[in-house]
Amino acid sequence: MADMIEVDVVVVGGGPVGLTAAIALASAGVTTALVAAPAPADGRTTMLLTGSVAALEALGVWARCRASAAPLRVMRIVDDTRRLIRAPEVAFSAAEIGHEAFGQNIENRHLVAALESRAGEIPGLTRVAVPAETVEIDAVGVTVRAGATTVRARLAIGADGRNSRVRAAAGIETESWSYPQVALTFNLAHSRPHDDASTEFHTESGPFTLVPLPGRRSSLVWVVEPPEAERLQALDDAALSVEIERHSHSILGKIVVEPGRGAFPLSVATAKHFGARRVALIGEAAHVIPPIGAQGLNLGLRDAAMIAELVADAHRSGEDIGADTLTQRYDQARRGDVASRTVAIDLLNRSLLTDFLPAQGARGLGLYLMDRIAPLRRAVMREGVAPAAAPRLMRGEAL
């Protein structure tokens, strides 16, 4: 016999962003159903900026995974291109803006485990551990069918990734483009300490970015052209370790690649509306950006915090939490943050790929000015770590 569940909100998608939204909503007294199959094993890591860490602390999640994260106190950018115009090396220190660290780097498996653990403790959160099969929207609610279970809610939150079923049901289109690049991801052990510093080498094919993990370990995102990606993926662990050590100029000493490699073609996709027809989109259902500058998942977590804040406030006021006025407020609240990050990453990436001298010069000048003008450097760091218009959860405040 089929089960029928009636709640205020249904969240479709159980990655870190969907789990965060569901926990935030249920913790604020909004009855919530999370419809998602168990998350598959994920060898990637996430650089959680300070606002994201503050949100996870406020939700009772961070204490469960803090020991598995490594702080990022210094960020170095090194121009490793062989071009005529090269940018100066620039180092950013969190201490300069009064922070102990810019954030914490953690393996996704530890983050998801902590979120799952917290989600299991909240009485107002119902779990449906199978993927959504159909999503139907009408004037007063949304119906999600998943296996033998039907969930009825006033608002659906799509956290179901770039091929979002929820987005398709709402008839929301996307604008997208791709790059001639692939991001390779690895976790590494190394013989020298990283001293809580990341190093981003800018190359002609894209960034090569090392970020600290606990102990003498780091994560690597290496952006290369597709033929080079195929060559590197075909190497055995020993040969790949030698390649990585060479490209990192041995700054971390001897490299040993750990099991679990990832490869992700680079693309951008942005939904034309983040909210419409009793639907709010968060994470990659709303926007996909390259894994450059630690922005992707942090943007998604800000989405989750913002929709949870708006829904919690509306719920307390007795408003219709799925009304067009709420989804429009959500769209307006998130549009600027997503657009500005997308443009910045796109410009940086294209400036590395192009042989157009003025573009290379502009990138070099920008880094030079940040290196030389302290107020500009601090302003850029503050906005990158904690945007001015952040949701309450990102400031560590309860909903």
Protein backbone atom coordinates (compact mmCIF):
# COMPACT_ATOMS: atom_id res chain seq x y z
CA MET A 1 0.00 0.00 0.00
CA ALA A 2 1.35 3.42 -0.93
CA ASP A 3 2.36 5.88 1.79
CA MET A 4 1.08 9.47 1.71
CA ILE A 5 3.10 12.17 3.47
CA GLU A 6 1.91 15.75 3.84
CA VAL A 7 4.47 18.40 4.84
CA ASP A 8 5.16 22.08 4.41
CA VAL A 9 8.24 21.62 2.21
CA VAL A 10 9.68 18.75 0.18
CA VAL A 11 13.40 18.85 -0.60
CA VAL A 12 14.41 16.73 -3.58
CA GLY A 13 18.11 15.80 -3.60
CA GLY A 14 20.32 14.57 -0.76
CA GLY A 15 23.77 16.06 -1.40
CA PRO A 16 25.30 18.55 1.04
CA VAL A 17 23.11 21.42 -0.21
CA GLY A 18 19.84 19.50 -0.03
CA LEU A 19 20.68 18.08 3.39
CA THR A 20 21.57 21.55 4.69
CA ALA A 21 18.28 23.02 3.45
CA ALA A 22 16.26 20.19 4.98
CA ILE A 23 18.04 20.45 8.34
CA ALA A 24 17.66 24.25 8.44
CA LEU A 25 13.94 24.13 7.62
CA ALA A 26 13.06 21.31 10.01
CA SER A 27 15.12 22.92 12.79
CA ALA A 28 13.03 26.10 12.33
CA GLY A 29 9.78 24.20 12.86
CA VAL A 30 8.86 23.78 9.18
CA THR A 31 7.72 20.21 8.53
CA THR A 32 9.98 18.87 5.82
CA ALA A 33 10.44 15.73 3.73
CA LEU A 34 13.79 14.92 2.13
CA VAL A 35 13.41 12.74 -0.97
CA ALA A 36 16.76 11.30 -2.07
CA ALA A 37 18.55 8.01 -2.48
CA PRO A 38 21.61 7.56 -0.26
CA ALA A 39 24.46 9.72 -1.54
CA PRO A 40 27.03 7.79 -3.62
CA ALA A 41 30.65 7.67 -2.52
CA ASP A 42 32.35 10.98 -3.31
CA GLY A 43 36.13 11.31 -3.22
CA ARG A 44 36.06 15.08 -3.77
CA THR A 45 36.73 17.74 -1.17
CA THR A 46 35.07 21.07 -0.42
CA MET A 47 36.70 24.27 0.75
CA LEU A 48 34.04 25.57 3.16
CA LEU A 49 34.37 29.34 3.54
CA THR A 50 33.85 30.89 6.98
CA GLY A 51 30.18 31.69 6.36
CA SER A 52 29.47 28.08 5.43
CA VAL A 53 31.25 26.86 8.55
CA ALA A 54 29.24 29.32 10.67
CA ALA A 55 25.99 27.98 9.16
CA LEU A 56 26.98 24.38 9.86
CA GLU A 57 27.88 25.33 13.43
CA ALA A 58 24.49 27.00 13.92
CA LEU A 59 22.75 23.86 12.62
CA GLY A 60 24.64 21.50 14.96
CA VAL A 61 26.59 19.85 12.14
CA TRP A 62 30.13 21.20 12.29
CA ALA A 63 31.11 19.60 15.62
CA ARG A 64 30.53 16.21 14.00
CA CYS A 65 33.13 16.70 11.25
CA ARG A 66 35.48 19.43 12.51
CA ALA A 67 38.25 16.92 13.25
CA SER A 68 38.28 15.84 9.58
CA ALA A 69 38.87 19.35 8.21
CA ALA A 70 42.00 21.44 7.71
CA PRO A 71 42.10 25.25 8.04
CA LEU A 72 43.18 27.43 5.13
CA ARG A 73 45.12 30.39 6.54
CA VAL A 74 47.09 31.57 3.49
CA MET A 75 46.25 31.55 -0.23
CA ARG A 76 49.04 31.94 -2.79
CA ILE A 77 48.54 32.63 -6.49
CA VAL A 78 51.50 31.91 -8.77
CA ASP A 79 51.60 32.72 -12.49
CA ASP A 80 53.08 29.56 -13.99
CA THR A 81 52.41 30.49 -17.61
CA ARG A 82 55.20 30.91 -20.13
CA ARG A 83 53.71 34.04 -21.65
CA LEU A 84 55.23 37.44 -22.24
CA ILE A 85 53.07 39.15 -19.62
CA ARG A 86 53.09 37.37 -16.26
CA ALA A 87 51.37 38.39 -13.05
CA PRO A 88 53.29 38.79 -9.80
CA GLU A 89 52.97 36.15 -7.10
CA VAL A 90 50.34 37.21 -4.57
CA ALA A 91 49.68 35.85 -1.07
CA PHE A 92 46.51 36.48 0.93
CA SER A 93 46.51 35.94 4.69
CA ALA A 94 43.30 35.44 6.69
CA ALA A 95 44.92 37.18 9.65
CA GLU A 96 44.98 40.42 7.65
CA ILE A 97 41.17 40.61 7.82
CA GLY A 98 40.93 39.38 11.39
CA HIS A 99 40.09 35.74 10.61
CA GLU A 100 41.85 32.70 11.93
CA ALA A 101 41.31 31.05 8.54
CA PHE A 102 39.53 31.67 5.25
CA GLY A 103 37.69 28.42 5.80
CA GLN A 104 38.08 24.68 6.22
CA ASN A 105 38.84 22.05 3.59
CA ILE A 106 37.06 18.74 4.12
CA GLU A 107 36.43 15.55 2.20
CA ASN A 108 32.80 15.42 1.06
CA ARG A 109 32.29 11.98 2.61
CA HIS A 110 32.95 13.37 6.09
CA LEU A 111 30.71 16.38 5.48
CA VAL A 112 27.83 14.27 4.18
CA ALA A 113 28.17 11.82 7.09
CA ALA A 114 27.89 14.69 9.58
CA LEU A 115 24.85 16.13 7.79
CA GLU A 116 23.19 12.70 7.63
CA SER A 117 23.81 12.19 11.34
CA ARG A 118 22.25 15.53 12.26
CA ALA A 119 19.31 15.03 9.89
CA GLY A 120 18.46 11.75 11.61
CA GLU A 121 17.92 13.54 14.93
CA ILE A 122 15.32 16.13 13.89
CA PRO A 123 11.71 15.09 14.57
CA GLY A 124 10.21 17.38 11.92
CA LEU A 125 12.31 15.89 9.10
CA THR A 126 10.95 12.84 7.25
CA ARG A 127 13.33 10.84 5.07
CA VAL A 128 12.25 9.13 1.85
CA ALA A 129 15.36 7.19 0.84
CA VAL A 130 14.56 6.62 -2.84
CA PRO A 131 14.93 9.04 -5.76
CA ALA A 132 12.01 11.15 -6.93
CA GLU A 133 10.29 9.65 -9.98
CA THR A 134 7.72 12.31 -10.80
CA VAL A 135 7.13 15.92 -9.74
CA GLU A 136 3.74 17.50 -10.40
CA ILE A 137 2.85 21.13 -9.65
CA ASP A 138 -0.60 22.66 -9.29
CA ALA A 139 -1.99 25.94 -7.99
CA VAL A 140 -1.81 25.03 -4.30
CA GLY A 141 1.04 22.55 -3.97
CA VAL A 142 3.56 20.07 -5.32
CA THR A 143 3.27 16.27 -5.45
CA VAL A 144 6.43 14.18 -5.52
CA ARG A 145 6.25 10.43 -6.08
CA ALA A 146 9.17 8.28 -5.04
CA GLY A 147 8.74 4.51 -5.11
CA ALA A 148 5.73 3.60 -2.98
CA THR A 149 5.68 7.01 -1.31
CA THR A 150 3.83 10.16 -2.35
CA VAL A 151 4.79 13.47 -0.76
CA ARG A 152 2.51 16.48 -0.88
CA ALA A 153 3.92 19.93 0.03
CA ARG A 154 3.25 23.61 -0.49
CA LEU A 155 6.81 24.23 -1.74
CA ALA A 156 9.36 22.01 -3.47
CA ILE A 157 13.07 22.76 -3.20
CA GLY A 158 15.06 21.35 -6.09
CA ALA A 159 18.49 20.25 -4.88
CA ASP A 160 18.68 17.48 -7.46
CA GLY A 161 21.63 18.63 -9.52
CA ARG A 162 22.26 19.95 -13.00
CA ASN A 163 19.69 17.60 -14.59
CA SER A 164 17.05 18.65 -12.07
CA ARG A 165 13.68 16.90 -12.32
CA VAL A 166 12.16 19.64 -10.13
CA ARG A 167 13.41 22.39 -12.46
CA ALA A 168 12.00 20.57 -15.48
CA ALA A 169 8.60 20.17 -13.79
CA ALA A 170 8.48 23.94 -13.16
CA GLY A 171 9.34 24.62 -16.82
CA ILE A 172 12.43 26.65 -15.90
CA GLU A 173 15.01 26.87 -18.67
CA THR A 174 18.77 27.35 -18.27
CA GLU A 175 21.46 29.32 -20.06
CA SER A 176 24.70 27.39 -20.45
CA TRP A 177 28.06 27.16 -22.14
CA SER A 178 31.09 24.91 -21.89
CA TYR A 179 34.87 25.29 -21.91
CA PRO A 180 37.49 23.20 -23.71
CA GLN A 181 38.75 22.00 -20.32
CA VAL A 182 38.41 19.16 -17.83
CA ALA A 183 38.89 19.45 -14.07
CA LEU A 184 40.78 16.48 -12.62
CA THR A 185 40.47 15.97 -8.87
CA PHE A 186 42.76 14.00 -6.58
CA ASN A 187 43.68 13.62 -2.94
CA LEU A 188 47.39 13.41 -2.21
CA ALA A 189 49.85 12.54 0.50
CA HIS A 190 53.13 14.48 0.52
CA SER A 191 56.42 14.58 2.41
CA ARG A 192 56.53 18.29 3.28
CA PRO A 193 53.99 20.16 5.46
CA HIS A 194 51.53 22.47 3.71
CA ASP A 195 51.51 24.93 6.64
CA ASP A 196 47.76 25.52 6.18
CA ALA A 197 48.44 27.28 2.86
CA SER A 198 46.92 26.67 -0.56
CA THR A 199 48.81 27.34 -3.76
CA GLU A 200 47.09 28.04 -7.07
CA PHE A 201 49.38 27.84 -10.09
CA HIS A 202 47.90 29.60 -13.12
CA THR A 203 48.78 27.76 -16.33
CA GLU A 204 47.80 28.18 -19.96
CA SER A 205 45.22 25.39 -19.62
CA GLY A 206 43.73 26.60 -16.32
CA PRO A 207 44.46 26.56 -12.57
CA PHE A 208 46.41 23.85 -10.76
CA THR A 209 45.25 24.28 -7.15
CA LEU A 210 46.55 22.52 -4.03
CA VAL A 211 44.45 22.91 -0.86
CA PRO A 212 45.38 21.57 2.62
CA LEU A 213 43.81 18.50 4.21
CA PRO A 214 44.58 17.24 7.73
CA GLY A 215 48.15 16.03 8.22
CA ARG A 216 50.53 15.92 5.30
CA ARG A 217 47.72 15.59 2.78
CA SER A 218 46.18 17.96 0.24
CA SER A 219 43.47 17.97 -2.40
CA LEU A 220 44.22 18.96 -5.98
CA VAL A 221 42.02 20.43 -8.70
CA TRP A 222 43.95 20.36 -11.98
CA VAL A 223 42.27 22.00 -14.99
CA VAL A 224 43.63 20.78 -18.34
CA GLU A 225 42.59 20.38 -21.96
CA PRO A 226 40.69 17.16 -22.83
CA PRO A 227 43.61 15.35 -24.57
CA GLU A 228 45.86 16.04 -21.60
CA ALA A 229 43.12 14.87 -19.24
CA GLU A 230 42.97 11.56 -21.12
CA ARG A 231 46.75 11.18 -20.95
CA LEU A 232 46.88 11.89 -17.21
CA GLN A 233 43.97 9.59 -16.43
CA ALA A 234 45.72 6.74 -18.24
CA LEU A 235 48.82 6.99 -16.01
CA ASP A 236 49.29 4.61 -13.12
CA ASP A 237 49.54 6.05 -9.61
CA ALA A 238 53.34 6.18 -9.56
CA ALA A 239 53.64 8.00 -12.90
CA LEU A 240 50.80 10.38 -12.02
CA SER A 241 52.45 11.21 -8.68
CA VAL A 242 55.64 12.18 -10.54
CA GLU A 243 53.65 14.40 -12.93
CA ILE A 244 51.90 16.17 -10.06
CA GLU A 245 55.15 16.72 -8.18
CA ARG A 246 56.71 18.21 -11.31
CA HIS A 247 53.79 20.56 -11.95
CA SER A 248 53.75 21.61 -8.29
CA HIS A 249 57.48 22.43 -8.48
CA SER A 250 57.98 20.04 -5.54
CA ILE A 251 56.69 22.62 -3.04
CA LEU A 252 55.12 19.76 -1.05
CA GLY A 253 57.99 17.32 -1.63
CA LYS A 254 57.34 13.74 -2.73
CA ILE A 255 53.75 13.18 -3.86
CA VAL A 256 51.71 9.99 -3.51
CA VAL A 257 48.30 9.94 -5.21
CA GLU A 258 45.55 8.37 -3.11
CA PRO A 259 42.78 6.15 -4.55
CA GLY A 260 39.77 7.91 -6.03
CA ARG A 261 40.20 10.13 -9.08
CA GLY A 262 37.58 12.47 -10.53
CA ALA A 263 37.16 14.10 -13.94
CA PHE A 264 34.59 16.81 -14.67
CA PRO A 265 34.20 18.70 -17.98
CA LEU A 266 34.03 22.44 -17.26
CA SER A 267 30.78 24.22 -17.97
CA VAL A 268 28.50 26.98 -16.75
CA ALA A 269 24.71 26.75 -16.45
CA THR A 270 22.34 29.20 -14.79
CA ALA A 271 18.60 28.80 -14.38
CA LYS A 272 16.63 31.72 -15.82
CA HIS A 273 14.64 31.75 -12.57
CA PHE A 274 15.77 30.41 -9.21
CA GLY A 275 12.18 30.32 -8.00
CA ALA A 276 8.79 29.98 -9.73
CA ARG A 277 5.53 27.99 -9.56
CA ARG A 278 5.97 26.70 -5.97
CA VAL A 279 9.56 25.70 -6.69
CA ALA A 280 12.89 27.06 -5.41
CA LEU A 281 16.14 25.82 -6.95
CA ILE A 282 19.36 25.50 -4.94
CA GLY A 283 22.87 24.27 -5.68
CA GLU A 284 23.55 22.84 -9.12
CA ALA A 285 19.84 22.72 -9.92
CA ALA A 286 20.11 26.54 -9.98
CA HIS A 287 23.68 27.16 -11.14
CA VAL A 288 26.75 25.23 -12.27
CA ILE A 289 30.16 26.87 -12.27
CA PRO A 290 33.70 25.52 -12.71
CA PRO A 291 35.50 24.28 -9.55
CA ILE A 292 37.66 27.40 -9.41
CA GLY A 293 37.96 29.72 -6.43
CA ALA A 294 36.02 27.51 -3.97
CA GLN A 295 32.70 29.05 -4.97
CA GLY A 296 30.44 26.22 -6.20
CA LEU A 297 29.26 24.44 -3.04
CA ASN A 298 29.53 27.62 -0.97
CA LEU A 299 27.07 29.30 -3.35
CA GLY A 300 24.76 26.32 -2.94
CA LEU A 301 24.94 26.49 0.84
CA ARG A 302 24.05 30.19 0.69
CA ASP A 303 21.06 29.21 -1.48
CA ALA A 304 19.98 26.71 1.17
CA ALA A 305 20.40 29.25 3.97
CA MET A 306 18.46 31.94 2.11
CA ILE A 307 15.45 29.81 1.13
CA ALA A 308 15.31 28.39 4.66
CA GLU A 309 15.34 31.92 6.11
CA LEU A 310 12.57 33.15 3.82
CA VAL A 311 10.40 30.09 4.38
CA ALA A 312 10.89 30.11 8.16
CA ASP A 313 9.92 33.79 8.35
CA ALA A 314 6.86 33.25 6.13
CA HIS A 315 5.83 30.18 8.12
CA ARG A 316 5.92 32.13 11.39
CA SER A 317 3.85 34.90 9.79
CA GLY A 318 1.23 32.48 8.48
CA GLU A 319 2.00 33.28 4.84
CA ASP A 320 1.79 30.83 1.95
CA ILE A 321 5.35 29.52 1.80
CA GLY A 322 4.97 28.50 -1.84
CA ALA A 323 3.49 31.75 -3.10
CA ASP A 324 4.99 33.58 -6.07
CA THR A 325 5.91 36.49 -3.79
CA LEU A 326 8.23 34.23 -1.77
CA THR A 327 9.87 32.48 -4.71
CA GLN A 328 10.40 35.86 -6.38
CA ARG A 329 12.04 37.23 -3.22
CA TYR A 330 14.32 34.21 -3.21
CA ASP A 331 15.26 34.72 -6.86
CA GLN A 332 16.06 38.40 -6.27
CA ALA A 333 18.06 37.63 -3.12
CA ARG A 334 20.32 35.09 -4.84
CA ARG A 335 20.64 36.46 -8.38
CA GLY A 336 23.37 39.04 -7.72
CA ASP A 337 25.60 36.72 -5.66
CA VAL A 338 25.47 33.94 -8.25
CA ALA A 339 25.93 36.30 -11.22
CA SER A 340 28.94 38.10 -9.74
CA ARG A 341 30.74 34.84 -8.88
CA THR A 342 29.97 33.35 -12.28
CA VAL A 343 31.32 36.40 -14.12
CA ALA A 344 34.49 36.57 -11.98
CA ILE A 345 35.32 32.90 -12.51
CA ASP A 346 34.54 33.10 -16.22
CA LEU A 347 36.81 36.12 -16.69
CA LEU A 348 39.66 34.52 -14.74
CA ASN A 349 39.38 31.28 -16.67
CA ARG A 350 39.19 32.96 -20.08
CA SER A 351 42.16 35.20 -19.22
CA LEU A 352 44.26 32.06 -18.72
CA LEU A 353 43.13 30.44 -21.97
CA THR A 354 43.54 33.45 -24.23
CA ASP A 355 46.68 34.59 -26.05
CA PHE A 356 45.18 38.09 -26.30
CA LEU A 357 47.81 40.31 -24.64
CA PRO A 358 45.41 42.95 -23.23
CA ALA A 359 43.47 40.24 -21.38
CA GLN A 360 46.67 38.81 -19.94
CA GLY A 361 47.76 42.31 -18.98
CA ALA A 362 44.45 43.02 -17.23
CA ARG A 363 44.78 39.85 -15.14
CA GLY A 364 48.35 40.72 -14.22
CA LEU A 365 47.43 44.29 -13.36
CA GLY A 366 44.55 43.16 -11.16
CA LEU A 367 46.80 40.83 -9.16
CA TYR A 368 49.50 43.51 -8.95
CA LEU A 369 47.02 46.04 -7.55
CA MET A 370 45.73 43.56 -4.97
CA ASP A 371 49.30 42.84 -3.95
CA ARG A 372 50.22 46.52 -3.60
CA ILE A 373 47.02 48.16 -2.34
CA ALA A 374 46.18 46.76 1.08
CA PRO A 375 42.61 48.18 1.39
CA LEU A 376 41.72 46.69 -2.02
CA ARG A 377 43.23 43.34 -1.06
CA ARG A 378 41.32 43.27 2.25
CA ALA A 379 38.05 44.24 0.54
CA VAL A 380 38.44 41.44 -2.00
CA MET A 381 39.23 38.93 0.75
CA ARG A 382 36.25 39.95 2.89
CA GLU A 383 33.80 39.75 -0.01
CA GLY A 384 35.22 36.42 -1.13
CA VAL A 385 34.99 34.86 2.33
CA ALA A 386 31.76 36.42 3.62
CA PRO A 387 29.59 38.38 1.16
CA ALA A 388 28.00 41.50 2.61
CA ALA A 389 24.41 40.36 1.95
CA ALA A 390 24.78 36.90 3.49
CA PRO A 391 21.77 35.04 4.97
CA ARG A 392 21.44 34.91 8.76
CA LEU A 393 22.72 31.35 9.02
CA MET A 394 25.95 32.42 7.31
CA ARG A 395 26.46 34.87 10.18
CA GLY A 396 26.00 32.06 12.68
CA GLU A 397 22.49 33.22 13.65
CA ALA A 398 19.61 30.83 14.23
CA LEU A 399 16.51 30.96 12.06
